[in-house]
Amino acid sequence: MKLIVKKRKVPLAVRKLRALACRLPPNHPKVPLIMNDLNKREAGYKGECSIDFPLSFLEPKSHFIFHDLRLQDQSRFFQLDTLLISKKYALIIEVKNIAGSIYFDPHFNQLIRKIEGKETAFPDPIIQVSRQESQLTNWFLKNGFPSLPILSLIVISNPQTIIRTALENHELHNKVIHRDALPAKINQMEHSITESSFSEKDLKKAIRVMNKLHIDADFSILERYNLTEKDLIKGVICENCNGNKLIRRHGTWLCNQCQLSSKKAHIPALRDYFYLLGSTITNRQLRNFLNISSSSSATRILQSLNLTSGGANKGRVYSLYFDE
């Protein structure tokens, strides 16, 4: 079995925000908010990726890693950015990519960042991982597994970030660490727990059931920002010309500005459609989004993609799917 059971992907929210940022007019009033949200999520994803190298030092035969695992606890879902599981324990790893100086306030349960003289408060990640510990414990019990110690760590991915807290909060170092300390901390945990709670059979079953019961989160990015399809820029956009639209001539997409010629320039446009408008598309919807008038041209594009479809003639609906 491989060390990484479920690989990390670019988060769906990031992919949808990237598509949205490309499809809004530069002067749209929602652009600053969307770009701010995108930058935050990109930074978070970068922080999560930063622990891949430290985790690569773990013994692959005894540790198994899930990235972006989303499970159901009763009627609620909970998502774990990184979960490490072994026969001895399960470890929830929450990564924070925060620069400057951070202060864990134990009195008001908040995280305060100070950078360039400005202070900003964030929700306390210690409360977050404590809730996740409880939810994962309940999940194991509900699915008939033996009791397994559930641990958690908050990993600060930026090595230059200064970590502070109140004097009485002297146990914080057991919960909050810098990225480079992660392998040593896991090794310490490994040696502090002497007994295995899971058998080899339990471990393999847990890995199998987690994979099976994982459910990807989905949402409408347009609804989240109170936008509609009318707000979007339509057409096939030239990747070389900063948004110049391509025209289709004899089955080829052409750019009048840089002379780009492409047979497949519609694919990135349909990826944008998928992330912004949904996973099904009709001939009419394709023509509307790609700004082409010919129904037969739209049919040829759809057929070239080898999509599954249902219905007949004008009622035919095609299923789109794009991953990373």
C-alpha atoms as a PDB file:
ATOM      1  CA  MET A   1       0.000   0.000   0.000  1.00  0.00           C
ATOM      2  CA  LYS A   2       1.314   3.488  -0.826  1.00  0.00           C
ATOM      3  CA  LEU A   3       2.020   6.154   1.773  1.00  0.00           C
ATOM      4  CA  ILE A   4      -0.428   8.579   0.123  1.00  0.00           C
ATOM      5  CA  VAL A   5      -3.849   6.958  -0.206  1.00  0.00           C
ATOM      6  CA  LYS A   6      -5.746  10.033  -1.410  1.00  0.00           C
ATOM      7  CA  LYS A   7      -3.697  12.612  -3.283  1.00  0.00           C
ATOM      8  CA  ARG A   8      -3.996  16.340  -2.821  1.00  0.00           C
ATOM      9  CA  LYS A   9      -5.633  18.247  -5.649  1.00  0.00           C
ATOM     10  CA  VAL A  10      -6.034  21.933  -6.302  1.00  0.00           C
ATOM     11  CA  PRO A  11      -9.114  22.708  -4.161  1.00  0.00           C
ATOM     12  CA  LEU A  12     -12.385  22.968  -6.051  1.00  0.00           C
ATOM     13  CA  ALA A  13     -12.956  26.454  -4.616  1.00  0.00           C
ATOM     14  CA  VAL A  14      -9.628  27.591  -6.085  1.00  0.00           C
ATOM     15  CA  ARG A  15     -10.452  26.118  -9.487  1.00  0.00           C
ATOM     16  CA  LYS A  16     -13.863  27.794  -9.512  1.00  0.00           C
ATOM     17  CA  LEU A  17     -12.446  31.134  -8.358  1.00  0.00           C
ATOM     18  CA  ARG A  18      -9.761  31.014 -11.059  1.00  0.00           C
ATOM     19  CA  ALA A  19     -12.428  30.439 -13.708  1.00  0.00           C
ATOM     20  CA  LEU A  20     -14.595  33.202 -12.291  1.00  0.00           C
ATOM     21  CA  ALA A  21     -11.709  35.679 -12.159  1.00  0.00           C
ATOM     22  CA  CYS A  22     -11.029  35.060 -15.864  1.00  0.00           C
ATOM     23  CA  ARG A  23     -14.666  35.458 -16.863  1.00  0.00           C
ATOM     24  CA  LEU A  24     -15.569  38.726 -15.147  1.00  0.00           C
ATOM     25  CA  PRO A  25     -14.922  42.132 -16.733  1.00  0.00           C
ATOM     26  CA  PRO A  26     -11.913  43.801 -15.044  1.00  0.00           C
ATOM     27  CA  ASN A  27     -14.110  46.687 -13.864  1.00  0.00           C
ATOM     28  CA  HIS A  28     -16.784  44.451 -12.316  1.00  0.00           C
ATOM     29  CA  PRO A  29     -17.470  45.574  -8.705  1.00  0.00           C
ATOM     30  CA  LYS A  30     -17.073  42.022  -7.344  1.00  0.00           C
ATOM     31  CA  VAL A  31     -13.555  41.546  -8.784  1.00  0.00           C
ATOM     32  CA  PRO A  32     -11.623  42.926  -5.736  1.00  0.00           C
ATOM     33  CA  LEU A  33     -13.527  40.634  -3.345  1.00  0.00           C
ATOM     34  CA  ILE A  34     -13.090  37.598  -5.593  1.00  0.00           C
ATOM     35  CA  MET A  35      -9.370  38.231  -6.106  1.00  0.00           C
ATOM     36  CA  ASN A  36      -8.877  38.675  -2.364  1.00  0.00           C
ATOM     37  CA  ASP A  37     -10.650  35.366  -1.694  1.00  0.00           C
ATOM     38  CA  LEU A  38      -8.676  33.641  -4.449  1.00  0.00           C
ATOM     39  CA  ASN A  39      -5.353  34.904  -3.085  1.00  0.00           C
ATOM     40  CA  LYS A  40      -6.232  33.650   0.414  1.00  0.00           C
ATOM     41  CA  ARG A  41      -7.204  30.222  -0.852  1.00  0.00           C
ATOM     42  CA  GLU A  42      -4.132  29.998  -3.097  1.00  0.00           C
ATOM     43  CA  ALA A  43      -1.944  30.817  -0.080  1.00  0.00           C
ATOM     44  CA  GLY A  44      -3.725  28.163   1.973  1.00  0.00           C
ATOM     45  CA  TYR A  45      -3.194  25.558  -0.734  1.00  0.00           C
ATOM     46  CA  LYS A  46       0.472  26.520  -1.034  1.00  0.00           C
ATOM     47  CA  GLY A  47       0.819  26.051   2.726  1.00  0.00           C
ATOM     48  CA  GLU A  48      -0.797  22.608   2.546  1.00  0.00           C
ATOM     49  CA  CYS A  49       1.589  21.557  -0.234  1.00  0.00           C
ATOM     50  CA  SER A  50       4.567  22.668   1.879  1.00  0.00           C
ATOM     51  CA  ILE A  51       4.179  19.691   4.234  1.00  0.00           C
ATOM     52  CA  ASP A  52       4.475  17.122   1.436  1.00  0.00           C
ATOM     53  CA  PHE A  53       8.272  17.038   1.701  1.00  0.00           C
ATOM     54  CA  PRO A  54       8.406  16.579   5.515  1.00  0.00           C
ATOM     55  CA  LEU A  55       5.751  13.862   5.297  1.00  0.00           C
ATOM     56  CA  SER A  56       7.756  12.012   2.643  1.00  0.00           C
ATOM     57  CA  PHE A  57      10.215  10.931   5.350  1.00  0.00           C
ATOM     58  CA  LEU A  58       7.604   8.743   7.067  1.00  0.00           C
ATOM     59  CA  GLU A  59       7.721   4.977   6.829  1.00  0.00           C
ATOM     60  CA  PRO A  60       5.326   4.121   3.961  1.00  0.00           C
ATOM     61  CA  LYS A  61       4.408   0.674   5.281  1.00  0.00           C
ATOM     62  CA  SER A  62       3.004   1.941   8.575  1.00  0.00           C
ATOM     63  CA  HIS A  63       1.645   5.434   7.801  1.00  0.00           C
ATOM     64  CA  PHE A  64      -1.080   6.290   5.327  1.00  0.00           C
ATOM     65  CA  ILE A  65      -2.100   9.778   4.267  1.00  0.00           C
ATOM     66  CA  PHE A  66      -5.379  11.214   3.019  1.00  0.00           C
ATOM     67  CA  HIS A  67      -5.539  14.726   1.585  1.00  0.00           C
ATOM     68  CA  ASP A  68      -8.810  16.681   1.332  1.00  0.00           C
ATOM     69  CA  LEU A  69     -10.867  13.962   3.003  1.00  0.00           C
ATOM     70  CA  ARG A  70     -14.538  14.850   3.500  1.00  0.00           C
ATOM     71  CA  LEU A  71     -16.678  12.512   5.586  1.00  0.00           C
ATOM     72  CA  GLN A  72     -20.145  12.635   7.105  1.00  0.00           C
ATOM     73  CA  ASP A  73     -20.700  12.762  10.872  1.00  0.00           C
ATOM     74  CA  GLN A  74     -24.415  12.196  11.412  1.00  0.00           C
ATOM     75  CA  SER A  75     -26.114  14.931   9.343  1.00  0.00           C
ATOM     76  CA  ARG A  76     -23.003  17.110   9.017  1.00  0.00           C
ATOM     77  CA  PHE A  77     -19.916  16.869   6.869  1.00  0.00           C
ATOM     78  CA  PHE A  78     -16.398  17.571   8.065  1.00  0.00           C
ATOM     79  CA  GLN A  79     -13.283  18.039   5.950  1.00  0.00           C
ATOM     80  CA  LEU A  80      -9.721  17.182   6.932  1.00  0.00           C
ATOM     81  CA  ASP A  81      -7.002  18.854   4.881  1.00  0.00           C
ATOM     82  CA  THR A  82      -4.521  16.121   5.832  1.00  0.00           C
ATOM     83  CA  LEU A  83      -5.147  12.940   7.827  1.00  0.00           C
ATOM     84  CA  LEU A  84      -2.399  10.505   8.755  1.00  0.00           C
ATOM     85  CA  ILE A  85      -3.547   7.105   9.978  1.00  0.00           C
ATOM     86  CA  SER A  86      -1.636   4.155  11.421  1.00  0.00           C
ATOM     87  CA  LYS A  87      -2.446   1.178  13.643  1.00  0.00           C
ATOM     88  CA  LYS A  88      -1.573   3.283  16.715  1.00  0.00           C
ATOM     89  CA  TYR A  89      -3.379   6.579  16.088  1.00  0.00           C
ATOM     90  CA  ALA A  90      -4.918   8.991  13.602  1.00  0.00           C
ATOM     91  CA  LEU A  91      -3.380  12.441  13.245  1.00  0.00           C
ATOM     92  CA  ILE A  92      -5.260  15.460  11.898  1.00  0.00           C
ATOM     93  CA  ILE A  93      -2.873  18.045  10.430  1.00  0.00           C
ATOM     94  CA  GLU A  94      -4.175  21.575   9.933  1.00  0.00           C
ATOM     95  CA  VAL A  95      -1.767  23.816   8.010  1.00  0.00           C
ATOM     96  CA  LYS A  96      -1.770  27.595   8.390  1.00  0.00           C
ATOM     97  CA  ASN A  97       0.159  29.736   5.923  1.00  0.00           C
ATOM     98  CA  ILE A  98       0.342  32.984   7.902  1.00  0.00           C
ATOM     99  CA  ALA A  99       3.242  35.428   7.726  1.00  0.00           C
ATOM    100  CA  GLY A 100       4.413  37.887  10.373  1.00  0.00           C
ATOM    101  CA  SER A 101       3.931  37.326  14.091  1.00  0.00           C
ATOM    102  CA  ILE A 102       1.004  35.269  15.426  1.00  0.00           C
ATOM    103  CA  TYR A 103      -0.366  35.201  18.953  1.00  0.00           C
ATOM    104  CA  PHE A 104      -2.602  32.422  20.270  1.00  0.00           C
ATOM    105  CA  ASP A 105      -4.961  34.123  22.720  1.00  0.00           C
ATOM    106  CA  PRO A 106      -6.215  31.459  25.182  1.00  0.00           C
ATOM    107  CA  HIS A 107      -8.644  33.869  26.908  1.00  0.00           C
ATOM    108  CA  PHE A 108     -10.723  34.864  23.890  1.00  0.00           C
ATOM    109  CA  ASN A 109      -9.904  31.819  21.742  1.00  0.00           C
ATOM    110  CA  GLN A 110      -8.600  33.670  18.757  1.00  0.00           C
ATOM    111  CA  LEU A 111      -5.481  33.820  16.667  1.00  0.00           C
ATOM    112  CA  ILE A 112      -4.071  37.324  16.230  1.00  0.00           C
ATOM    113  CA  ARG A 113      -1.676  38.096  13.393  1.00  0.00           C
ATOM    114  CA  LYS A 114       0.544  41.176  13.426  1.00  0.00           C
ATOM    115  CA  ILE A 115       2.293  42.207  10.251  1.00  0.00           C
ATOM    116  CA  GLU A 116       3.612  45.633   9.261  1.00  0.00           C
ATOM    117  CA  GLY A 117       2.062  47.103  12.406  1.00  0.00           C
ATOM    118  CA  LYS A 118      -1.468  45.867  11.578  1.00  0.00           C
ATOM    119  CA  GLU A 119      -3.318  43.314  13.705  1.00  0.00           C
ATOM    120  CA  THR A 120      -5.917  40.910  12.314  1.00  0.00           C
ATOM    121  CA  ALA A 121      -7.941  38.335  14.272  1.00  0.00           C
ATOM    122  CA  PHE A 122      -8.647  34.819  12.957  1.00  0.00           C
ATOM    123  CA  PRO A 123     -10.720  31.943  14.375  1.00  0.00           C
ATOM    124  CA  ASP A 124      -8.712  29.796  16.775  1.00  0.00           C
ATOM    125  CA  PRO A 125      -7.462  26.730  14.844  1.00  0.00           C
ATOM    126  CA  ILE A 126      -7.155  24.842  18.140  1.00  0.00           C
ATOM    127  CA  ILE A 127     -10.945  24.916  18.473  1.00  0.00           C
ATOM    128  CA  GLN A 128     -11.232  23.801  14.849  1.00  0.00           C
ATOM    129  CA  VAL A 129      -9.028  20.708  15.262  1.00  0.00           C
ATOM    130  CA  SER A 130     -10.664  19.841  18.597  1.00  0.00           C
ATOM    131  CA  ARG A 131     -14.026  19.736  16.839  1.00  0.00           C
ATOM    132  CA  GLN A 132     -12.529  17.631  14.045  1.00  0.00           C
ATOM    133  CA  GLU A 133     -11.089  15.201  16.615  1.00  0.00           C
ATOM    134  CA  SER A 134     -14.561  14.715  18.067  1.00  0.00           C
ATOM    135  CA  GLN A 135     -16.147  14.271  14.639  1.00  0.00           C
ATOM    136  CA  LEU A 136     -13.545  11.731  13.516  1.00  0.00           C
ATOM    137  CA  THR A 137     -13.941   9.811  16.796  1.00  0.00           C
ATOM    138  CA  ASN A 138     -17.692   9.650  16.192  1.00  0.00           C
ATOM    139  CA  TRP A 139     -17.109   8.557  12.601  1.00  0.00           C
ATOM    140  CA  PHE A 140     -14.949   5.609  13.666  1.00  0.00           C
ATOM    141  CA  LEU A 141     -17.510   4.536  16.286  1.00  0.00           C
ATOM    142  CA  LYS A 142     -20.438   4.854  13.863  1.00  0.00           C
ATOM    143  CA  ASN A 143     -18.622   2.687  11.324  1.00  0.00           C
ATOM    144  CA  GLY A 144     -17.835  -0.052  13.810  1.00  0.00           C
ATOM    145  CA  PHE A 145     -14.110   0.453  14.334  1.00  0.00           C
ATOM    146  CA  PRO A 146     -12.220  -0.050  17.598  1.00  0.00           C
ATOM    147  CA  SER A 147     -11.405   3.076  19.592  1.00  0.00           C
ATOM    148  CA  LEU A 148      -8.347   4.781  18.108  1.00  0.00           C
ATOM    149  CA  PRO A 149      -6.455   7.715  19.677  1.00  0.00           C
ATOM    150  CA  ILE A 150      -7.198  10.840  17.617  1.00  0.00           C
ATOM    151  CA  LEU A 151      -4.456  13.472  17.719  1.00  0.00           C
ATOM    152  CA  SER A 152      -4.070  16.807  15.969  1.00  0.00           C
ATOM    153  CA  LEU A 153      -1.378  19.298  15.059  1.00  0.00           C
ATOM    154  CA  ILE A 154      -1.454  22.840  13.748  1.00  0.00           C
ATOM    155  CA  VAL A 155       1.465  23.329  11.385  1.00  0.00           C
ATOM    156  CA  ILE A 156       2.714  26.823  10.556  1.00  0.00           C
ATOM    157  CA  SER A 157       4.075  26.517   7.028  1.00  0.00           C
ATOM    158  CA  ASN A 158       6.080  29.764   6.889  1.00  0.00           C
ATOM    159  CA  PRO A 159       9.395  29.154   8.713  1.00  0.00           C
ATOM    160  CA  GLN A 160       9.785  32.885   9.375  1.00  0.00           C
ATOM    161  CA  THR A 161       6.486  33.219  11.225  1.00  0.00           C
ATOM    162  CA  ILE A 162       6.953  34.040  14.928  1.00  0.00           C
ATOM    163  CA  ILE A 163       4.659  32.087  17.264  1.00  0.00           C
ATOM    164  CA  ARG A 164       3.677  33.595  20.624  1.00  0.00           C
ATOM    165  CA  THR A 165       1.150  32.947  23.376  1.00  0.00           C
ATOM    166  CA  ALA A 166       0.389  33.781  27.017  1.00  0.00           C
ATOM    167  CA  LEU A 167       2.769  32.515  29.715  1.00  0.00           C
ATOM    168  CA  GLU A 168       0.153  30.208  31.192  1.00  0.00           C
ATOM    169  CA  ASN A 169      -0.455  28.593  27.795  1.00  0.00           C
ATOM    170  CA  HIS A 170       2.803  26.667  28.098  1.00  0.00           C
ATOM    171  CA  GLU A 171       1.461  23.481  26.478  1.00  0.00           C
ATOM    172  CA  LEU A 172       0.929  25.199  23.133  1.00  0.00           C
ATOM    173  CA  HIS A 173       4.178  23.769  21.734  1.00  0.00           C
ATOM    174  CA  ASN A 174       2.602  20.300  21.887  1.00  0.00           C
ATOM    175  CA  LYS A 175      -0.123  21.393  19.485  1.00  0.00           C
ATOM    176  CA  VAL A 176       1.445  24.120  17.297  1.00  0.00           C
ATOM    177  CA  ILE A 177       4.700  23.562  15.410  1.00  0.00           C
ATOM    178  CA  HIS A 178       6.637  24.867  12.444  1.00  0.00           C
ATOM    179  CA  ARG A 179       6.611  22.795   9.267  1.00  0.00           C
ATOM    180  CA  ASP A 180      10.174  21.502   9.532  1.00  0.00           C
ATOM    181  CA  ALA A 181       9.488  20.045  12.990  1.00  0.00           C
ATOM    182  CA  LEU A 182       6.732  17.786  11.641  1.00  0.00           C
ATOM    183  CA  PRO A 183       8.731  14.544  11.089  1.00  0.00           C
ATOM    184  CA  ALA A 184      10.326  14.735  14.554  1.00  0.00           C
ATOM    185  CA  LYS A 185       6.939  15.472  16.153  1.00  0.00           C
ATOM    186  CA  ILE A 186       5.308  12.498  14.442  1.00  0.00           C
ATOM    187  CA  ASN A 187       8.235  10.309  15.498  1.00  0.00           C
ATOM    188  CA  GLN A 188       7.721  11.485  19.072  1.00  0.00           C
ATOM    189  CA  MET A 189       4.026  10.595  18.910  1.00  0.00           C
ATOM    190  CA  GLU A 190       4.867   7.218  17.438  1.00  0.00           C
ATOM    191  CA  HIS A 191       7.121   6.345  20.378  1.00  0.00           C
ATOM    192  CA  SER A 192       4.774   7.743  23.034  1.00  0.00           C
ATOM    193  CA  ILE A 193       1.971   5.344  22.025  1.00  0.00           C
ATOM    194  CA  THR A 194       3.200   1.812  22.656  1.00  0.00           C
ATOM    195  CA  GLU A 195       0.075  -0.240  21.853  1.00  0.00           C
ATOM    196  CA  SER A 196      -1.699  -0.647  18.533  1.00  0.00           C
ATOM    197  CA  SER A 197      -5.441  -0.015  18.658  1.00  0.00           C
ATOM    198  CA  PHE A 198      -6.029  -1.249  15.107  1.00  0.00           C
ATOM    199  CA  SER A 199      -5.108  -4.613  13.676  1.00  0.00           C
ATOM    200  CA  GLU A 200      -3.748  -4.795  10.148  1.00  0.00           C
ATOM    201  CA  LYS A 201      -7.246  -5.826   9.063  1.00  0.00           C
ATOM    202  CA  ASP A 202      -8.826  -2.817  10.856  1.00  0.00           C
ATOM    203  CA  LEU A 203      -6.359  -0.443   9.217  1.00  0.00           C
ATOM    204  CA  LYS A 204      -6.952  -1.765   5.713  1.00  0.00           C
ATOM    205  CA  LYS A 205     -10.719  -1.651   6.256  1.00  0.00           C
ATOM    206  CA  ALA A 206     -10.569   1.950   7.575  1.00  0.00           C
ATOM    207  CA  ILE A 207      -8.591   3.045   4.522  1.00  0.00           C
ATOM    208  CA  ARG A 208     -11.048   1.299   2.205  1.00  0.00           C
ATOM    209  CA  VAL A 209     -14.152   2.698   3.930  1.00  0.00           C
ATOM    210  CA  MET A 210     -12.750   6.251   4.087  1.00  0.00           C
ATOM    211  CA  ASN A 211     -12.063   6.160   0.362  1.00  0.00           C
ATOM    212  CA  LYS A 212     -15.550   4.818  -0.314  1.00  0.00           C
ATOM    213  CA  LEU A 213     -17.423   7.290   1.918  1.00  0.00           C
ATOM    214  CA  HIS A 214     -15.484  10.402   0.900  1.00  0.00           C
ATOM    215  CA  ILE A 215     -17.828  12.881  -0.789  1.00  0.00           C
ATOM    216  CA  ASP A 216     -16.515  15.867  -2.721  1.00  0.00           C
ATOM    217  CA  ALA A 217     -18.045  19.184  -1.746  1.00  0.00           C
ATOM    218  CA  ASP A 218     -19.721  21.141  -4.518  1.00  0.00           C
ATOM    219  CA  PHE A 219     -21.375  24.530  -4.642  1.00  0.00           C
ATOM    220  CA  SER A 220     -22.407  27.251  -7.064  1.00  0.00           C
ATOM    221  CA  ILE A 221     -19.656  29.863  -7.230  1.00  0.00           C
ATOM    222  CA  LEU A 222     -22.066  32.300  -8.904  1.00  0.00           C
ATOM    223  CA  GLU A 223     -24.602  31.989  -6.084  1.00  0.00           C
ATOM    224  CA  ARG A 224     -21.858  32.423  -3.498  1.00  0.00           C
ATOM    225  CA  TYR A 225     -21.079  35.876  -4.918  1.00  0.00           C
ATOM    226  CA  ASN A 226     -24.647  36.716  -5.950  1.00  0.00           C
ATOM    227  CA  LEU A 227     -23.784  36.644  -9.656  1.00  0.00           C
ATOM    228  CA  THR A 228     -25.585  35.288 -12.704  1.00  0.00           C
ATOM    229  CA  GLU A 229     -24.521  34.019 -16.104  1.00  0.00           C
ATOM    230  CA  LYS A 230     -25.146  37.510 -17.481  1.00  0.00           C
ATOM    231  CA  ASP A 231     -22.150  38.791 -15.484  1.00  0.00           C
ATOM    232  CA  LEU A 232     -19.757  36.480 -17.327  1.00  0.00           C
ATOM    233  CA  ILE A 233     -17.602  37.180 -20.368  1.00  0.00           C
ATOM    234  CA  LYS A 234     -18.562  34.673 -23.066  1.00  0.00           C
ATOM    235  CA  GLY A 235     -16.447  33.298 -25.883  1.00  0.00           C
ATOM    236  CA  VAL A 236     -13.149  31.481 -26.391  1.00  0.00           C
ATOM    237  CA  ILE A 237     -10.399  33.594 -24.869  1.00  0.00           C
ATOM    238  CA  CYS A 238      -6.872  33.816 -26.276  1.00  0.00           C
ATOM    239  CA  GLU A 239      -4.364  32.807 -23.638  1.00  0.00           C
ATOM    240  CA  ASN A 240      -1.648  34.901 -25.320  1.00  0.00           C
ATOM    241  CA  CYS A 241      -3.496  38.202 -25.678  1.00  0.00           C
ATOM    242  CA  ASN A 242      -4.803  39.013 -22.245  1.00  0.00           C
ATOM    243  CA  GLY A 243      -8.437  38.250 -22.944  1.00  0.00           C
ATOM    244  CA  ASN A 244      -8.756  38.815 -26.690  1.00  0.00           C
ATOM    245  CA  LYS A 245     -11.571  36.631 -28.076  1.00  0.00           C
ATOM    246  CA  LEU A 246     -10.903  34.030 -30.774  1.00  0.00           C
ATOM    247  CA  ILE A 247     -13.039  33.504 -33.848  1.00  0.00           C
ATOM    248  CA  ARG A 248     -13.826  30.096 -35.334  1.00  0.00           C
ATOM    249  CA  ARG A 249     -13.119  29.566 -39.007  1.00  0.00           C
ATOM    250  CA  HIS A 250     -13.183  26.202 -40.818  1.00  0.00           C
ATOM    251  CA  GLY A 251     -12.881  24.243 -37.574  1.00  0.00           C
ATOM    252  CA  THR A 252      -9.971  26.312 -36.210  1.00  0.00           C
ATOM    253  CA  TRP A 253      -9.869  29.031 -33.556  1.00  0.00           C
ATOM    254  CA  LEU A 254      -7.957  32.123 -34.700  1.00  0.00           C
ATOM    255  CA  CYS A 255      -6.733  35.217 -32.895  1.00  0.00           C
ATOM    256  CA  ASN A 256      -6.683  38.390 -35.011  1.00  0.00           C
ATOM    257  CA  GLN A 257      -4.247  40.013 -32.612  1.00  0.00           C
ATOM    258  CA  CYS A 258      -1.410  37.484 -32.154  1.00  0.00           C
ATOM    259  CA  GLN A 259      -2.309  35.098 -35.008  1.00  0.00           C
ATOM    260  CA  LEU A 260      -2.695  32.159 -32.649  1.00  0.00           C
ATOM    261  CA  SER A 261      -4.236  29.152 -34.390  1.00  0.00           C
ATOM    262  CA  SER A 262      -5.723  26.293 -32.381  1.00  0.00           C
ATOM    263  CA  LYS A 263      -8.026  23.341 -32.947  1.00  0.00           C
ATOM    264  CA  LYS A 264      -8.692  22.862 -29.218  1.00  0.00           C
ATOM    265  CA  ALA A 265      -8.939  26.366 -27.745  1.00  0.00           C
ATOM    266  CA  HIS A 266     -12.578  25.648 -26.833  1.00  0.00           C
ATOM    267  CA  ILE A 267     -11.523  23.113 -24.189  1.00  0.00           C
ATOM    268  CA  PRO A 268     -10.357  25.695 -21.588  1.00  0.00           C
ATOM    269  CA  ALA A 269     -13.576  27.630 -22.267  1.00  0.00           C
ATOM    270  CA  LEU A 270     -15.673  24.545 -21.594  1.00  0.00           C
ATOM    271  CA  ARG A 271     -13.668  23.950 -18.441  1.00  0.00           C
ATOM    272  CA  ASP A 272     -14.708  27.432 -17.323  1.00  0.00           C
ATOM    273  CA  TYR A 273     -18.317  26.554 -18.172  1.00  0.00           C
ATOM    274  CA  PHE A 274     -18.045  23.377 -16.090  1.00  0.00           C
ATOM    275  CA  TYR A 275     -16.755  25.197 -13.001  1.00  0.00           C
ATOM    276  CA  LEU A 276     -19.084  28.183 -13.328  1.00  0.00           C
ATOM    277  CA  LEU A 277     -22.335  26.881 -14.798  1.00  0.00           C
ATOM    278  CA  GLY A 278     -22.492  23.140 -14.277  1.00  0.00           C
ATOM    279  CA  SER A 279     -21.680  19.680 -15.539  1.00  0.00           C
ATOM    280  CA  THR A 280     -24.309  19.384 -18.287  1.00  0.00           C
ATOM    281  CA  ILE A 281     -24.489  21.294 -21.538  1.00  0.00           C
ATOM    282  CA  THR A 282     -26.714  21.346 -24.630  1.00  0.00           C
ATOM    283  CA  ASN A 283     -25.892  22.368 -28.175  1.00  0.00           C
ATOM    284  CA  ARG A 284     -27.651  25.709 -27.622  1.00  0.00           C
ATOM    285  CA  GLN A 285     -25.801  26.358 -24.351  1.00  0.00           C
ATOM    286  CA  LEU A 286     -22.461  25.596 -25.996  1.00  0.00           C
ATOM    287  CA  ARG A 287     -23.187  27.988 -28.848  1.00  0.00           C
ATOM    288  CA  ASN A 288     -24.204  30.682 -26.389  1.00  0.00           C
ATOM    289  CA  PHE A 289     -21.110  30.278 -24.220  1.00  0.00           C
ATOM    290  CA  LEU A 290     -18.576  29.933 -27.054  1.00  0.00           C
ATOM    291  CA  ASN A 291     -20.200  32.676 -29.142  1.00  0.00           C
ATOM    292  CA  ILE A 292     -20.710  30.569 -32.264  1.00  0.00           C
ATOM    293  CA  SER A 293     -23.847  30.561 -34.403  1.00  0.00           C
ATOM    294  CA  SER A 294     -23.596  27.249 -36.226  1.00  0.00           C
ATOM    295  CA  SER A 295     -25.481  24.342 -34.677  1.00  0.00           C
ATOM    296  CA  SER A 296     -23.512  21.859 -36.791  1.00  0.00           C
ATOM    297  CA  SER A 297     -20.191  23.348 -35.594  1.00  0.00           C
ATOM    298  CA  ALA A 298     -21.387  22.984 -32.008  1.00  0.00           C
ATOM    299  CA  THR A 299     -22.349  19.366 -32.689  1.00  0.00           C
ATOM    300  CA  ARG A 300     -18.896  18.618 -34.126  1.00  0.00           C
ATOM    301  CA  ILE A 301     -17.237  20.154 -31.053  1.00  0.00           C
ATOM    302  CA  LEU A 302     -19.403  18.101 -28.702  1.00  0.00           C
ATOM    303  CA  GLN A 303     -18.845  14.888 -30.636  1.00  0.00           C
ATOM    304  CA  SER A 304     -15.080  15.447 -30.707  1.00  0.00           C
ATOM    305  CA  LEU A 305     -15.030  15.434 -26.909  1.00  0.00           C
ATOM    306  CA  ASN A 306     -16.515  11.909 -26.689  1.00  0.00           C
ATOM    307  CA  LEU A 307     -18.954  12.978 -23.966  1.00  0.00           C
ATOM    308  CA  THR A 308     -21.703  10.792 -22.570  1.00  0.00           C
ATOM    309  CA  SER A 309     -25.138  12.116 -23.428  1.00  0.00           C
ATOM    310  CA  GLY A 310     -28.846  11.497 -23.035  1.00  0.00           C
ATOM    311  CA  GLY A 311     -31.904  12.505 -24.978  1.00  0.00           C
ATOM    312  CA  ALA A 312     -32.255  12.951 -28.719  1.00  0.00           C
ATOM    313  CA  ASN A 313     -32.040  15.683 -31.329  1.00  0.00           C
ATOM    314  CA  LYS A 314     -32.564  19.149 -29.817  1.00  0.00           C
ATOM    315  CA  GLY A 315     -33.191  17.625 -26.408  1.00  0.00           C
ATOM    316  CA  ARG A 316     -29.781  15.943 -26.202  1.00  0.00           C
ATOM    317  CA  VAL A 317     -27.834  16.833 -23.044  1.00  0.00           C
ATOM    318  CA  TYR A 318     -24.084  16.195 -22.751  1.00  0.00           C
ATOM    319  CA  SER A 319     -22.173  15.547 -19.520  1.00  0.00           C
ATOM    320  CA  LEU A 320     -18.994  17.542 -18.935  1.00  0.00           C
ATOM    321  CA  TYR A 321     -16.263  16.551 -16.509  1.00  0.00           C
ATOM    322  CA  PHE A 322     -12.954  18.230 -15.782  1.00  0.00           C
ATOM    323  CA  ASP A 323     -10.562  17.438 -12.979  1.00  0.00           C
ATOM    324  CA  GLU A 324      -7.372  19.328 -12.188  1.00  0.00           C
END
